[in-house]
N, C-alpha and C. Protein backbone atom coordinates (compact mmCIF):
# COMPACT_ATOMS: atom_id res chain seq x y z
N UNK A 1 165.00 23.18 191.52
CA UNK A 1 165.42 22.44 190.28
C UNK A 1 166.30 23.05 189.37
N UNK A 2 167.23 22.57 188.63
CA UNK A 2 168.00 23.18 187.52
C UNK A 2 167.70 22.59 186.59
N UNK A 3 167.57 23.31 185.44
CA UNK A 3 167.12 22.74 184.08
C UNK A 3 167.68 23.64 183.07
N UNK A 4 168.43 22.64 182.09
CA UNK A 4 168.78 23.65 180.92
C UNK A 4 168.89 22.62 179.82
N UNK A 5 168.47 23.09 178.77
CA UNK A 5 167.87 22.64 177.48
C UNK A 5 169.28 23.02 176.75
N UNK A 6 169.38 22.38 175.76
CA UNK A 6 170.65 22.39 174.40
C UNK A 6 169.11 22.72 173.06
N UNK A 7 169.66 24.13 172.63
CA UNK A 7 168.38 24.04 171.58
C UNK A 7 168.81 24.83 170.67
N UNK A 8 168.18 24.50 169.57
CA UNK A 8 168.37 25.22 168.12
C UNK A 8 166.62 25.45 168.01
N UNK A 9 166.44 27.25 167.98
CA UNK A 9 165.42 27.28 167.45
C UNK A 9 164.86 27.13 166.12
N UNK A 10 165.75 26.99 165.38
CA UNK A 10 165.13 26.30 163.85
C UNK A 10 164.32 25.16 163.73
N UNK A 11 164.48 24.02 164.91
CA UNK A 11 164.21 22.55 165.21
C UNK A 11 162.53 22.74 165.58
N UNK A 12 161.67 21.90 165.03
CA UNK A 12 160.68 22.00 165.94
C UNK A 12 160.69 20.96 167.07
N UNK A 13 161.53 20.09 167.06
CA UNK A 13 161.25 19.01 168.39
C UNK A 13 162.26 19.65 169.20
N UNK A 14 163.06 20.81 168.68
CA UNK A 14 163.78 21.59 170.23
C UNK A 14 162.74 22.70 170.61
N UNK A 15 161.75 23.02 169.78
CA UNK A 15 160.76 24.01 170.26
C UNK A 15 159.52 23.22 170.87
N UNK A 16 159.50 22.41 170.40
CA UNK A 16 158.54 21.07 171.31
C UNK A 16 158.88 21.47 172.46
N UNK A 17 160.10 20.80 172.85
CA UNK A 17 160.75 20.27 174.21
C UNK A 17 160.90 21.18 175.10
N UNK A 18 161.26 22.89 174.65
CA UNK A 18 161.14 23.71 174.94
C UNK A 18 159.75 24.24 175.43
N UNK A 19 159.09 24.18 174.87
CA UNK A 19 157.42 24.60 174.95
C UNK A 19 156.79 23.57 176.13
N UNK A 20 157.33 22.67 176.29
CA UNK A 20 156.79 21.23 177.34
C UNK A 20 157.04 21.65 178.25
N UNK A 21 158.37 22.21 178.81
CA UNK A 21 159.15 22.74 179.67
C UNK A 21 158.78 23.74 180.20
N UNK A 22 157.93 24.68 179.47
CA UNK A 22 157.36 26.11 180.11
C UNK A 22 156.32 25.38 180.54
N UNK A 23 155.37 24.54 179.88
CA UNK A 23 154.07 23.83 179.77
C UNK A 23 154.29 23.84 181.10
N UNK A 24 155.24 22.81 181.86
CA UNK A 24 155.51 22.62 183.29
C UNK A 24 155.65 23.47 184.49
N UNK A 25 155.94 24.81 183.62
CA UNK A 25 155.96 25.78 184.45
C UNK A 25 157.33 26.51 185.22
N UNK A 26 158.85 25.43 184.14
CA UNK A 26 159.63 26.04 184.54
C UNK A 26 160.24 26.57 183.51
N UNK A 27 161.20 27.28 184.14
CA UNK A 27 162.03 28.36 182.86
C UNK A 27 163.23 28.23 182.57
N UNK A 28 163.56 26.81 181.91
CA UNK A 28 164.89 26.60 181.98
C UNK A 28 166.10 27.53 181.38
N UNK A 29 167.09 26.82 181.50
CA UNK A 29 168.40 28.05 180.66
C UNK A 29 168.13 27.34 179.69
N UNK A 30 168.50 28.38 178.57
CA UNK A 30 168.21 28.29 177.29
C UNK A 30 169.74 28.23 176.74
N UNK A 31 170.52 26.93 176.19
CA UNK A 31 171.40 27.26 175.87
C UNK A 31 171.84 26.69 174.13
N UNK A 32 171.62 28.15 173.26
CA UNK A 32 171.47 27.94 171.76
C UNK A 32 172.52 27.51 171.48
N UNK A 33 173.14 26.45 171.03
CA UNK A 33 174.38 25.71 171.07
C UNK A 33 175.19 26.12 169.84
N UNK A 34 173.72 26.50 169.08
CA UNK A 34 175.28 26.78 167.48
C UNK A 34 175.70 27.86 167.66
N UNK A 35 174.92 28.77 168.71
CA UNK A 35 175.95 30.44 168.81
C UNK A 35 176.65 30.69 170.07
N UNK A 36 176.57 29.39 170.43
CA UNK A 36 177.58 29.27 172.32
C UNK A 36 177.94 27.43 172.10
N UNK A 37 178.73 26.97 171.41
CA UNK A 37 179.26 25.68 171.40
C UNK A 37 179.81 25.02 172.49
N UNK A 38 179.11 24.15 172.77
CA UNK A 38 180.02 23.44 174.36
C UNK A 38 181.15 22.98 173.42
N UNK A 39 182.03 23.21 174.91
CA UNK A 39 183.46 22.45 174.54
C UNK A 39 183.59 20.85 174.98
N UNK A 40 184.78 20.57 175.26
CA UNK A 40 184.74 18.90 175.10
C UNK A 40 184.74 18.60 176.31
N UNK A 41 184.99 19.25 177.52
CA UNK A 41 184.70 19.13 178.72
C UNK A 41 183.33 19.01 179.09
N UNK A 42 182.60 20.12 178.46
CA UNK A 42 181.05 19.96 178.61
C UNK A 42 180.45 18.95 177.78
N UNK A 43 181.00 18.50 176.92
CA UNK A 43 180.33 17.40 175.70
C UNK A 43 180.40 16.00 176.66
N UNK A 44 181.67 15.96 177.43
CA UNK A 44 182.27 15.07 178.36
C UNK A 44 180.83 14.54 179.51
N UNK A 45 180.75 16.04 180.23
CA UNK A 45 179.97 15.75 181.39
C UNK A 45 178.47 15.33 180.68
N UNK A 46 177.86 16.20 179.50
CA UNK A 46 176.73 15.73 179.06
C UNK A 46 176.67 14.28 178.71
N UNK A 47 177.81 13.43 178.07
CA UNK A 47 177.56 12.58 178.04
C UNK A 47 177.41 11.52 179.32
N UNK A 48 177.98 11.70 180.26
CA UNK A 48 178.44 10.98 180.94
C UNK A 48 176.56 11.10 182.08
N UNK A 49 176.08 12.56 181.86
CA UNK A 49 174.66 12.61 182.41
C UNK A 49 173.89 11.87 181.33
N UNK A 50 173.83 11.89 180.49
CA UNK A 50 173.13 11.11 179.20
C UNK A 50 173.58 9.48 179.40
N UNK A 51 174.32 8.85 179.87
CA UNK A 51 174.54 7.69 180.18
C UNK A 51 175.02 6.81 178.67
N UNK A 52 175.10 7.58 177.88
CA UNK A 52 175.02 6.81 176.42
C UNK A 52 176.39 6.91 175.66
N UNK A 53 176.79 5.82 174.74
CA UNK A 53 177.73 6.14 173.98
C UNK A 53 178.06 7.43 173.00
N UNK A 54 178.92 7.61 172.55
CA UNK A 54 178.99 9.33 172.27
C UNK A 54 178.59 9.16 170.92
N UNK A 55 178.38 8.22 170.46
CA UNK A 55 178.14 8.00 168.80
C UNK A 55 176.62 8.33 169.32
N UNK A 56 176.02 8.16 170.35
CA UNK A 56 174.65 8.49 170.19
C UNK A 56 174.08 9.90 170.19
N UNK A 57 175.26 10.47 170.74
CA UNK A 57 175.27 12.09 170.18
C UNK A 57 175.42 12.84 169.36
N UNK A 58 175.59 11.94 168.06
CA UNK A 58 175.57 12.63 166.78
C UNK A 58 174.48 12.45 166.48
N UNK A 59 174.47 13.47 164.96
CA UNK A 59 173.47 13.15 164.36
C UNK A 59 173.90 12.79 162.92
N UNK A 60 173.57 11.85 162.42
CA UNK A 60 174.19 11.18 161.47
C UNK A 60 173.48 11.50 160.14
N UNK A 61 172.67 12.92 159.91
CA UNK A 61 172.20 13.04 158.69
C UNK A 61 172.64 14.08 158.20
N UNK A 62 173.51 14.71 159.01
CA UNK A 62 174.16 15.84 158.47
C UNK A 62 175.60 15.82 157.53
N UNK A 63 175.76 16.53 156.90
CA UNK A 63 176.96 16.69 155.70
C UNK A 63 178.14 16.69 156.66
N UNK A 64 178.49 17.15 157.69
CA UNK A 64 179.63 17.40 158.41
C UNK A 64 179.86 15.66 158.98
N UNK A 65 178.96 14.99 159.26
CA UNK A 65 179.02 13.53 159.71
C UNK A 65 179.51 12.68 158.43
N UNK A 66 179.22 12.45 157.20
CA UNK A 66 179.87 12.18 156.02
C UNK A 66 181.08 12.62 155.96
N UNK A 67 181.30 13.77 155.82
CA UNK A 67 182.39 14.77 155.33
C UNK A 67 183.69 14.02 156.28
N UNK A 68 183.15 14.00 157.73
CA UNK A 68 184.18 13.89 158.53
C UNK A 68 184.58 12.15 158.38
N UNK A 69 184.16 11.69 157.75
CA UNK A 69 184.24 9.86 157.94
C UNK A 69 183.78 9.32 159.63
N UNK A 70 182.48 9.96 160.00
CA UNK A 70 182.56 9.62 161.69
C UNK A 70 181.34 8.32 161.77
N UNK A 71 181.34 7.48 160.31
CA UNK A 71 180.40 6.31 160.49
C UNK A 71 181.46 4.93 160.91
N UNK A 72 182.60 5.64 160.80
CA UNK A 72 183.99 4.68 161.12
C UNK A 72 183.80 3.68 162.59
N UNK A 73 183.54 2.52 162.63
CA UNK A 73 182.82 2.12 163.57
C UNK A 73 184.12 2.31 164.76
N UNK A 74 185.15 2.26 163.99
CA UNK A 74 187.07 2.28 164.70
C UNK A 74 186.82 3.47 165.72
N UNK A 75 186.07 4.93 165.40
CA UNK A 75 186.67 5.67 166.12
C UNK A 75 186.41 5.58 167.18
N UNK A 76 187.24 6.51 168.14
CA UNK A 76 186.91 6.59 169.39
C UNK A 76 186.40 7.37 169.95
N UNK A 77 185.51 7.10 171.53
CA UNK A 77 184.68 8.17 172.15
C UNK A 77 185.17 9.70 171.89
N UNK A 78 186.60 9.68 172.26
CA UNK A 78 187.32 11.03 172.47
C UNK A 78 186.91 12.08 171.41
N UNK A 79 187.47 11.20 169.92
CA UNK A 79 187.63 11.64 168.33
C UNK A 79 185.95 12.12 168.11
N UNK A 80 184.99 11.07 168.35
CA UNK A 80 183.89 11.44 168.43
C UNK A 80 183.41 12.85 169.07
N UNK A 81 183.66 12.72 170.40
CA UNK A 81 182.96 14.39 170.98
C UNK A 81 183.78 15.11 170.55
N UNK A 82 185.18 14.95 170.07
CA UNK A 82 186.00 16.20 169.61
C UNK A 82 185.17 16.40 167.85
N UNK A 83 184.87 15.78 167.38
CA UNK A 83 183.93 15.91 166.19
C UNK A 83 183.07 17.09 166.75
N UNK A 84 181.95 16.20 167.35
CA UNK A 84 180.87 17.49 168.05
C UNK A 84 181.34 18.78 168.46
N UNK A 85 182.53 19.07 169.26
CA UNK A 85 183.31 20.24 169.85
C UNK A 85 183.18 20.59 168.44
N UNK A 86 183.84 20.27 167.16
CA UNK A 86 184.54 21.61 166.09
C UNK A 86 183.48 21.77 165.29
N UNK A 87 182.20 20.84 165.35
CA UNK A 87 181.09 20.93 164.51
C UNK A 87 180.01 21.06 165.43
N UNK A 88 179.16 22.04 166.36
CA UNK A 88 178.15 22.03 166.89
C UNK A 88 177.07 21.09 166.38
N UNK A 89 176.98 21.67 165.26
CA UNK A 89 175.44 20.95 164.20
C UNK A 89 175.49 19.43 164.17
N UNK A 90 176.67 18.94 164.74
CA UNK A 90 176.51 17.09 165.25
C UNK A 90 175.90 16.68 166.23
N UNK A 91 175.20 17.82 166.88
CA UNK A 91 174.88 17.34 168.39
C UNK A 91 173.54 17.08 168.41
N UNK A 92 172.95 16.33 168.77
CA UNK A 92 171.89 15.56 168.94
C UNK A 92 170.53 16.95 169.61
N UNK A 93 169.85 17.10 169.68
CA UNK A 93 168.90 18.23 170.04
C UNK A 93 167.54 17.39 169.94
N UNK A 94 166.94 18.37 170.94
CA UNK A 94 167.33 19.11 172.21
C UNK A 94 168.27 17.91 173.22
N UNK A 95 168.60 18.57 173.65
CA UNK A 95 169.34 17.63 174.80
C UNK A 95 168.79 18.79 176.33
N UNK A 96 168.25 18.01 177.62
CA UNK A 96 167.49 18.71 178.65
C UNK A 96 168.16 18.03 179.52
N UNK A 97 169.08 18.66 180.46
CA UNK A 97 169.60 18.30 181.46
C UNK A 97 168.84 18.46 182.76
N UNK A 98 168.87 17.97 183.84
CA UNK A 98 168.19 18.42 185.50
C UNK A 98 169.06 17.33 186.29
N UNK A 99 169.83 18.84 186.74
CA UNK A 99 170.69 18.09 187.82
C UNK A 99 171.63 18.03 187.29
N UNK A 100 171.72 16.51 187.76
CA UNK A 100 172.86 15.65 186.98
C UNK A 100 172.31 14.65 185.83
N UNK A 101 171.36 14.77 185.50
CA UNK A 101 170.41 13.92 184.53
C UNK A 101 170.77 13.91 183.12
N UNK A 102 170.73 14.07 182.35
CA UNK A 102 169.93 14.15 180.89
C UNK A 102 169.60 13.40 179.97
N UNK A 103 168.78 14.04 179.08
CA UNK A 103 168.17 13.33 178.41
C UNK A 103 167.68 14.14 176.40
N UNK A 104 168.16 12.98 176.09
CA UNK A 104 167.79 13.40 174.23
C UNK A 104 166.48 13.69 174.15
N UNK A 105 165.62 14.53 174.03
CA UNK A 105 164.08 14.68 174.15
C UNK A 105 163.70 14.87 172.85
N UNK A 106 163.87 13.73 172.27
CA UNK A 106 163.16 13.33 170.75
C UNK A 106 162.28 11.83 171.24
N UNK A 107 161.13 11.74 171.17
CA UNK A 107 160.65 13.08 171.31
C UNK A 107 160.31 13.30 172.57
N UNK A 108 159.88 14.54 172.96
CA UNK A 108 160.07 15.65 173.85
C UNK A 108 158.97 15.01 174.78
N UNK A 109 158.24 13.78 174.71
CA UNK A 109 157.18 13.48 176.14
C UNK A 109 158.57 12.72 176.88
N UNK A 110 160.09 12.15 176.02
CA UNK A 110 160.88 11.41 177.09
C UNK A 110 161.31 12.73 178.13
N UNK A 111 161.37 14.18 177.97
CA UNK A 111 161.95 14.33 178.80
C UNK A 111 161.10 14.60 180.42
N UNK A 112 159.59 13.61 179.96
CA UNK A 112 158.85 13.79 181.38
C UNK A 112 159.06 13.14 182.56
N UNK A 113 160.10 11.91 181.91
CA UNK A 113 160.40 10.91 182.79
C UNK A 113 162.15 11.79 183.91
N UNK A 114 162.44 12.57 183.27
CA UNK A 114 163.50 13.36 184.04
C UNK A 114 163.09 14.56 184.79
N UNK A 115 161.73 14.61 184.77
CA UNK A 115 161.27 15.76 185.74
C UNK A 115 160.80 15.16 186.58
N UNK A 116 160.33 14.27 186.64
CA UNK A 116 159.43 13.35 187.84
C UNK A 116 160.29 13.31 189.09
N UNK A 117 159.83 13.60 190.17
CA UNK A 117 160.50 13.42 191.57
C UNK A 117 160.91 12.14 191.74
């Protein structure tokens, strides 16, 4: 089983999810997305794996969200993903990917369904 977590070590929810994965005996690939931001193609794949609209990948409480006018409901999916690619702080966290599926692990227990066979 291949497991990857898009992780921010300063975020308590992200640390909880990583700890839960490790408690399950897993050694996930840890992507510190603020240090190595995902590109547009990777974000598009994450969106497909999550099965969510791009807007749900956004952290609306970040200053960049307001500064970039991302609350505008008329913005296209592509524009939202491009904003995340340019400003990775906007990416929801943590995101856990297992094979071809993914989940935003808030709360961390949401990832248990992803890990179930």
